[in-house]
Amino acid sequence: MTTLHVKKIINSREADTYDKSDSLHAVILENLKKNEISILDFTGIVSVTSSFFNRSIASFYFSSDPETLRKLIKIKSNSLEPYQMLKLERSLRNAKAKIGGSISNETKY
């Protein structure tokens, strides 16, 4: 189990560009390859875009088993503001809808 401090990985308080989302995506991907749980800690992130969530997290639903993702990618409780969590949930819901699945509320750690 590894806690990924998003602010440190993207070297910013704003999660808002493709390059930043790609940085996080790459670290999560390495953990997925090792079948290791990633706990994403968004503490210190003041701004996050839907496109950041789409690329860094939700895009995994197009290439991985949703059940595996649910087990291996977690969000640290209270590290996202409620409106930020809604953006994340919407990104995940949209990705799962495109592949014909549904989203679980079990993403928090």
N, C-alpha and C. Protein backbone atom coordinates (compact mmCIF):
# COMPACT_ATOMS: atom_id res chain seq x y z
N MET A 1 0.85 -1.18 0.00
CA MET A 1 0.00 0.00 0.00
C MET A 1 0.89 1.24 0.00
N THR A 2 0.66 2.12 -0.96
CA THR A 2 1.46 3.32 -1.10
C THR A 2 0.56 4.54 -1.12
N THR A 3 0.91 5.53 -0.30
CA THR A 3 0.20 6.80 -0.35
C THR A 3 0.90 7.70 -1.36
N LEU A 4 0.14 8.16 -2.33
CA LEU A 4 0.67 9.04 -3.36
C LEU A 4 0.22 10.47 -3.04
N HIS A 5 1.17 11.31 -2.72
CA HIS A 5 0.88 12.72 -2.41
C HIS A 5 0.84 13.48 -3.73
N VAL A 6 -0.36 13.74 -4.20
CA VAL A 6 -0.57 14.31 -5.53
C VAL A 6 0.17 15.63 -5.69
N LYS A 7 0.11 16.47 -4.70
CA LYS A 7 0.77 17.78 -4.78
C LYS A 7 2.27 17.62 -5.06
N LYS A 8 2.88 16.64 -4.44
CA LYS A 8 4.31 16.40 -4.63
C LYS A 8 4.58 15.80 -6.02
N ILE A 9 3.74 14.88 -6.45
CA ILE A 9 3.93 14.22 -7.75
C ILE A 9 3.82 15.22 -8.89
N ILE A 10 2.83 16.10 -8.80
CA ILE A 10 2.62 17.06 -9.90
C ILE A 10 3.37 18.37 -9.67
N ASN A 11 3.98 18.50 -8.51
CA ASN A 11 4.77 19.68 -8.16
C ASN A 11 3.97 20.98 -8.31
N SER A 12 2.74 20.92 -7.79
CA SER A 12 1.85 22.08 -7.92
C SER A 12 0.68 21.94 -6.96
N ARG A 13 0.06 23.06 -6.63
CA ARG A 13 -1.18 23.05 -5.86
C ARG A 13 -2.39 23.00 -6.77
N GLU A 14 -2.16 23.11 -8.07
CA GLU A 14 -3.25 23.11 -9.05
C GLU A 14 -3.12 21.91 -9.97
N ALA A 15 -4.14 21.07 -9.95
CA ALA A 15 -4.18 19.88 -10.79
C ALA A 15 -5.01 20.23 -12.02
N ASP A 16 -4.32 20.79 -13.02
CA ASP A 16 -5.09 21.40 -14.09
C ASP A 16 -4.52 21.25 -15.50
N THR A 17 -3.46 20.49 -15.68
CA THR A 17 -2.93 20.34 -17.04
C THR A 17 -2.76 18.87 -17.39
N TYR A 18 -2.65 18.62 -18.69
CA TYR A 18 -2.44 17.25 -19.17
C TYR A 18 -1.14 16.68 -18.62
N ASP A 19 -0.07 17.49 -18.64
CA ASP A 19 1.22 17.00 -18.15
C ASP A 19 1.15 16.59 -16.69
N LYS A 20 0.45 17.37 -15.88
CA LYS A 20 0.32 17.03 -14.47
C LYS A 20 -0.49 15.75 -14.30
N SER A 21 -1.59 15.64 -15.04
CA SER A 21 -2.42 14.43 -14.93
C SER A 21 -1.65 13.22 -15.43
N ASP A 22 -0.83 13.40 -16.46
CA ASP A 22 -0.03 12.30 -16.99
C ASP A 22 1.01 11.84 -15.97
N SER A 23 1.56 12.76 -15.20
CA SER A 23 2.52 12.40 -14.15
C SER A 23 1.88 11.50 -13.12
N LEU A 24 0.69 11.86 -12.67
CA LEU A 24 -0.01 11.03 -11.69
C LEU A 24 -0.42 9.70 -12.30
N HIS A 25 -0.92 9.73 -13.52
CA HIS A 25 -1.33 8.52 -14.23
C HIS A 25 -0.17 7.52 -14.29
N ALA A 26 1.02 8.00 -14.60
CA ALA A 26 2.19 7.13 -14.72
C ALA A 26 2.53 6.44 -13.39
N VAL A 27 2.44 7.17 -12.30
CA VAL A 27 2.75 6.59 -10.99
C VAL A 27 1.69 5.55 -10.60
N ILE A 28 0.43 5.87 -10.83
CA ILE A 28 -0.64 4.91 -10.54
C ILE A 28 -0.45 3.66 -11.40
N LEU A 29 -0.12 3.83 -12.67
CA LEU A 29 0.07 2.71 -13.58
C LEU A 29 1.16 1.77 -13.07
N GLU A 30 2.26 2.32 -12.61
CA GLU A 30 3.34 1.49 -12.07
C GLU A 30 2.86 0.67 -10.87
N ASN A 31 2.06 1.27 -10.01
CA ASN A 31 1.52 0.54 -8.86
C ASN A 31 0.53 -0.54 -9.30
N LEU A 32 -0.30 -0.23 -10.30
CA LEU A 32 -1.23 -1.23 -10.82
C LEU A 32 -0.49 -2.44 -11.38
N LYS A 33 0.61 -2.18 -12.08
CA LYS A 33 1.40 -3.28 -12.64
C LYS A 33 1.95 -4.19 -11.55
N LYS A 34 2.19 -3.62 -10.37
CA LYS A 34 2.71 -4.40 -9.23
C LYS A 34 1.58 -4.92 -8.35
N ASN A 35 0.33 -4.66 -8.78
CA ASN A 35 -0.84 -5.06 -8.00
C ASN A 35 -0.82 -4.43 -6.59
N GLU A 36 -0.34 -3.20 -6.53
CA GLU A 36 -0.18 -2.48 -5.28
C GLU A 36 -1.27 -1.42 -5.12
N ILE A 37 -1.81 -1.30 -3.93
CA ILE A 37 -2.84 -0.30 -3.65
C ILE A 37 -2.22 1.09 -3.65
N SER A 38 -2.87 2.01 -4.35
CA SER A 38 -2.48 3.42 -4.37
C SER A 38 -3.53 4.21 -3.61
N ILE A 39 -3.11 4.89 -2.56
CA ILE A 39 -4.00 5.79 -1.84
C ILE A 39 -3.63 7.20 -2.28
N LEU A 40 -4.56 7.84 -2.99
CA LEU A 40 -4.30 9.17 -3.53
C LEU A 40 -4.64 10.23 -2.48
N ASP A 41 -3.64 10.99 -2.09
CA ASP A 41 -3.81 12.04 -1.10
C ASP A 41 -3.75 13.39 -1.82
N PHE A 42 -4.89 14.06 -1.87
CA PHE A 42 -4.99 15.34 -2.56
C PHE A 42 -4.81 16.53 -1.61
N THR A 43 -4.31 16.29 -0.42
CA THR A 43 -4.09 17.37 0.54
C THR A 43 -3.21 18.45 -0.09
N GLY A 44 -3.63 19.70 0.02
CA GLY A 44 -2.87 20.82 -0.51
C GLY A 44 -3.23 21.20 -1.93
N ILE A 45 -4.05 20.39 -2.59
CA ILE A 45 -4.49 20.73 -3.94
C ILE A 45 -5.67 21.70 -3.81
N VAL A 46 -5.51 22.90 -4.37
CA VAL A 46 -6.55 23.92 -4.24
C VAL A 46 -7.48 23.99 -5.44
N SER A 47 -7.01 23.46 -6.57
CA SER A 47 -7.81 23.51 -7.79
C SER A 47 -7.57 22.22 -8.57
N VAL A 48 -8.66 21.63 -9.05
CA VAL A 48 -8.55 20.42 -9.85
C VAL A 48 -9.61 20.45 -10.94
N THR A 49 -9.22 20.07 -12.14
CA THR A 49 -10.17 20.09 -13.25
C THR A 49 -10.70 18.68 -13.53
N SER A 50 -11.85 18.63 -14.17
CA SER A 50 -12.41 17.34 -14.57
C SER A 50 -11.47 16.62 -15.53
N SER A 51 -10.84 17.37 -16.41
CA SER A 51 -9.93 16.73 -17.37
C SER A 51 -8.74 16.10 -16.65
N PHE A 52 -8.31 16.68 -15.54
CA PHE A 52 -7.23 16.08 -14.75
C PHE A 52 -7.67 14.71 -14.25
N PHE A 53 -8.89 14.64 -13.67
CA PHE A 53 -9.40 13.36 -13.18
C PHE A 53 -9.61 12.38 -14.33
N ASN A 54 -10.10 12.88 -15.46
CA ASN A 54 -10.34 12.00 -16.61
C ASN A 54 -9.06 11.29 -17.03
N ARG A 55 -7.98 12.03 -17.17
CA ARG A 55 -6.71 11.45 -17.63
C ARG A 55 -6.00 10.66 -16.55
N SER A 56 -5.90 11.23 -15.35
CA SER A 56 -5.07 10.61 -14.32
C SER A 56 -5.69 9.36 -13.70
N ILE A 57 -7.02 9.30 -13.62
CA ILE A 57 -7.67 8.18 -12.91
C ILE A 57 -8.71 7.47 -13.78
N ALA A 58 -9.69 8.21 -14.26
CA ALA A 58 -10.82 7.58 -14.97
C ALA A 58 -10.39 6.84 -16.23
N SER A 59 -9.33 7.27 -16.87
CA SER A 59 -8.89 6.62 -18.11
C SER A 59 -8.52 5.16 -17.91
N PHE A 60 -8.21 4.76 -16.69
CA PHE A 60 -7.88 3.36 -16.43
C PHE A 60 -9.07 2.44 -16.68
N TYR A 61 -10.28 2.97 -16.61
CA TYR A 61 -11.47 2.14 -16.81
C TYR A 61 -11.60 1.64 -18.24
N PHE A 62 -10.84 2.22 -19.17
CA PHE A 62 -10.90 1.78 -20.55
C PHE A 62 -9.93 0.63 -20.84
N SER A 63 -9.03 0.35 -19.89
CA SER A 63 -8.04 -0.68 -20.14
C SER A 63 -7.87 -1.68 -19.00
N SER A 64 -8.59 -1.47 -17.91
CA SER A 64 -8.44 -2.35 -16.74
C SER A 64 -9.80 -2.80 -16.23
N ASP A 65 -9.78 -3.85 -15.48
CA ASP A 65 -10.99 -4.38 -14.87
C ASP A 65 -11.49 -3.43 -13.77
N PRO A 66 -12.75 -2.99 -13.83
CA PRO A 66 -13.27 -2.05 -12.84
C PRO A 66 -13.15 -2.56 -11.39
N GLU A 67 -13.35 -3.84 -11.19
CA GLU A 67 -13.24 -4.39 -9.83
C GLU A 67 -11.81 -4.28 -9.31
N THR A 68 -10.86 -4.55 -10.16
CA THR A 68 -9.45 -4.41 -9.77
C THR A 68 -9.13 -2.96 -9.44
N LEU A 69 -9.62 -2.05 -10.25
CA LEU A 69 -9.38 -0.63 -10.00
C LEU A 69 -9.99 -0.19 -8.68
N ARG A 70 -11.19 -0.67 -8.40
CA ARG A 70 -11.86 -0.32 -7.14
C ARG A 70 -11.03 -0.77 -5.94
N LYS A 71 -10.36 -1.89 -6.09
CA LYS A 71 -9.54 -2.42 -4.99
C LYS A 71 -8.19 -1.74 -4.88
N LEU A 72 -7.64 -1.30 -6.00
CA LEU A 72 -6.26 -0.82 -6.01
C LEU A 72 -6.09 0.69 -6.04
N ILE A 73 -7.15 1.43 -6.35
CA ILE A 73 -7.05 2.90 -6.35
C ILE A 73 -8.04 3.45 -5.33
N LYS A 74 -7.51 4.10 -4.32
CA LYS A 74 -8.31 4.67 -3.24
C LYS A 74 -8.02 6.15 -3.12
N ILE A 75 -8.98 6.88 -2.58
CA ILE A 75 -8.81 8.32 -2.32
C ILE A 75 -8.78 8.52 -0.81
N LYS A 76 -7.76 9.22 -0.32
CA LYS A 76 -7.67 9.49 1.12
C LYS A 76 -8.87 10.34 1.53
N SER A 77 -9.57 9.87 2.54
CA SER A 77 -10.75 10.59 3.04
C SER A 77 -10.39 12.03 3.38
N ASN A 78 -11.29 12.90 3.03
CA ASN A 78 -11.19 14.33 3.34
C ASN A 78 -10.00 15.03 2.71
N SER A 79 -9.32 14.41 1.75
CA SER A 79 -8.23 15.13 1.09
C SER A 79 -8.74 15.92 -0.12
N LEU A 80 -9.98 15.67 -0.50
CA LEU A 80 -10.65 16.45 -1.55
C LEU A 80 -11.81 17.21 -0.92
N GLU A 81 -12.00 18.42 -1.37
CA GLU A 81 -13.18 19.18 -0.97
C GLU A 81 -14.41 18.49 -1.58
N PRO A 82 -15.58 18.66 -0.98
CA PRO A 82 -16.78 18.00 -1.52
C PRO A 82 -17.02 18.27 -3.00
N TYR A 83 -16.83 19.50 -3.45
CA TYR A 83 -17.05 19.80 -4.87
C TYR A 83 -16.01 19.12 -5.75
N GLN A 84 -14.79 18.93 -5.22
CA GLN A 84 -13.75 18.22 -5.97
C GLN A 84 -14.09 16.73 -6.06
N MET A 85 -14.60 16.19 -4.98
CA MET A 85 -15.00 14.77 -4.97
C MET A 85 -16.12 14.54 -5.97
N LEU A 86 -17.04 15.50 -6.08
CA LEU A 86 -18.11 15.38 -7.07
C LEU A 86 -17.55 15.33 -8.50
N LYS A 87 -16.53 16.14 -8.77
CA LYS A 87 -15.89 16.10 -10.09
C LYS A 87 -15.28 14.73 -10.35
N LEU A 88 -14.60 14.20 -9.35
CA LEU A 88 -13.99 12.87 -9.50
C LEU A 88 -15.06 11.81 -9.74
N GLU A 89 -16.10 11.84 -8.94
CA GLU A 89 -17.17 10.85 -9.09
C GLU A 89 -17.83 10.95 -10.46
N ARG A 90 -18.00 12.16 -10.97
CA ARG A 90 -18.58 12.35 -12.29
C ARG A 90 -17.65 11.79 -13.37
N SER A 91 -16.36 12.02 -13.24
CA SER A 91 -15.40 11.47 -14.21
C SER A 91 -15.43 9.95 -14.22
N LEU A 92 -15.47 9.36 -13.04
CA LEU A 92 -15.51 7.90 -12.94
C LEU A 92 -16.83 7.35 -13.48
N ARG A 93 -17.91 8.02 -13.13
CA ARG A 93 -19.23 7.59 -13.60
C ARG A 93 -19.31 7.65 -15.13
N ASN A 94 -18.79 8.71 -15.72
CA ASN A 94 -18.80 8.84 -17.17
C ASN A 94 -17.94 7.77 -17.84
N ALA A 95 -16.78 7.50 -17.29
CA ALA A 95 -15.91 6.46 -17.85
C ALA A 95 -16.58 5.09 -17.76
N LYS A 96 -17.17 4.80 -16.62
CA LYS A 96 -17.82 3.50 -16.46
C LYS A 96 -19.04 3.38 -17.35
N ALA A 97 -19.76 4.47 -17.55
CA ALA A 97 -20.93 4.43 -18.43
C ALA A 97 -20.51 4.11 -19.86
N LYS A 98 -19.36 4.61 -20.26
CA LYS A 98 -18.88 4.35 -21.62
C LYS A 98 -18.52 2.88 -21.83
N ILE A 99 -18.17 2.19 -20.73
CA ILE A 99 -17.84 0.77 -20.86
C ILE A 99 -18.97 -0.12 -20.37
N GLY A 100 -20.09 0.50 -19.95
CA GLY A 100 -21.27 -0.27 -19.56
C GLY A 100 -21.30 -0.72 -18.12
N GLY A 101 -20.56 -0.06 -17.22
CA GLY A 101 -20.57 -0.44 -15.81
C GLY A 101 -21.21 0.61 -14.94
N SER A 102 -21.03 0.47 -13.66
CA SER A 102 -21.55 1.47 -12.71
C SER A 102 -20.48 1.75 -11.68
N ILE A 103 -20.60 2.88 -11.00
CA ILE A 103 -19.59 3.31 -10.04
C ILE A 103 -20.03 2.94 -8.63
N SER A 104 -19.05 2.55 -7.82
CA SER A 104 -19.29 2.22 -6.41
C SER A 104 -18.86 3.39 -5.55
N ASN A 105 -19.44 3.51 -4.39
CA ASN A 105 -19.02 4.55 -3.45
C ASN A 105 -17.86 4.09 -2.60
N GLU A 106 -17.19 3.04 -2.96
CA GLU A 106 -16.11 2.48 -2.16
C GLU A 106 -14.74 2.97 -2.59
N THR A 107 -14.64 4.19 -3.11
CA THR A 107 -13.36 4.70 -3.56
C THR A 107 -12.60 5.39 -2.44
N LYS A 108 -13.26 5.70 -1.32
CA LYS A 108 -12.58 6.40 -0.23
C LYS A 108 -11.88 5.40 0.67
N TYR A 109 -10.75 5.83 1.23
CA TYR A 109 -9.97 4.98 2.11
C TYR A 109 -10.08 5.51 3.51
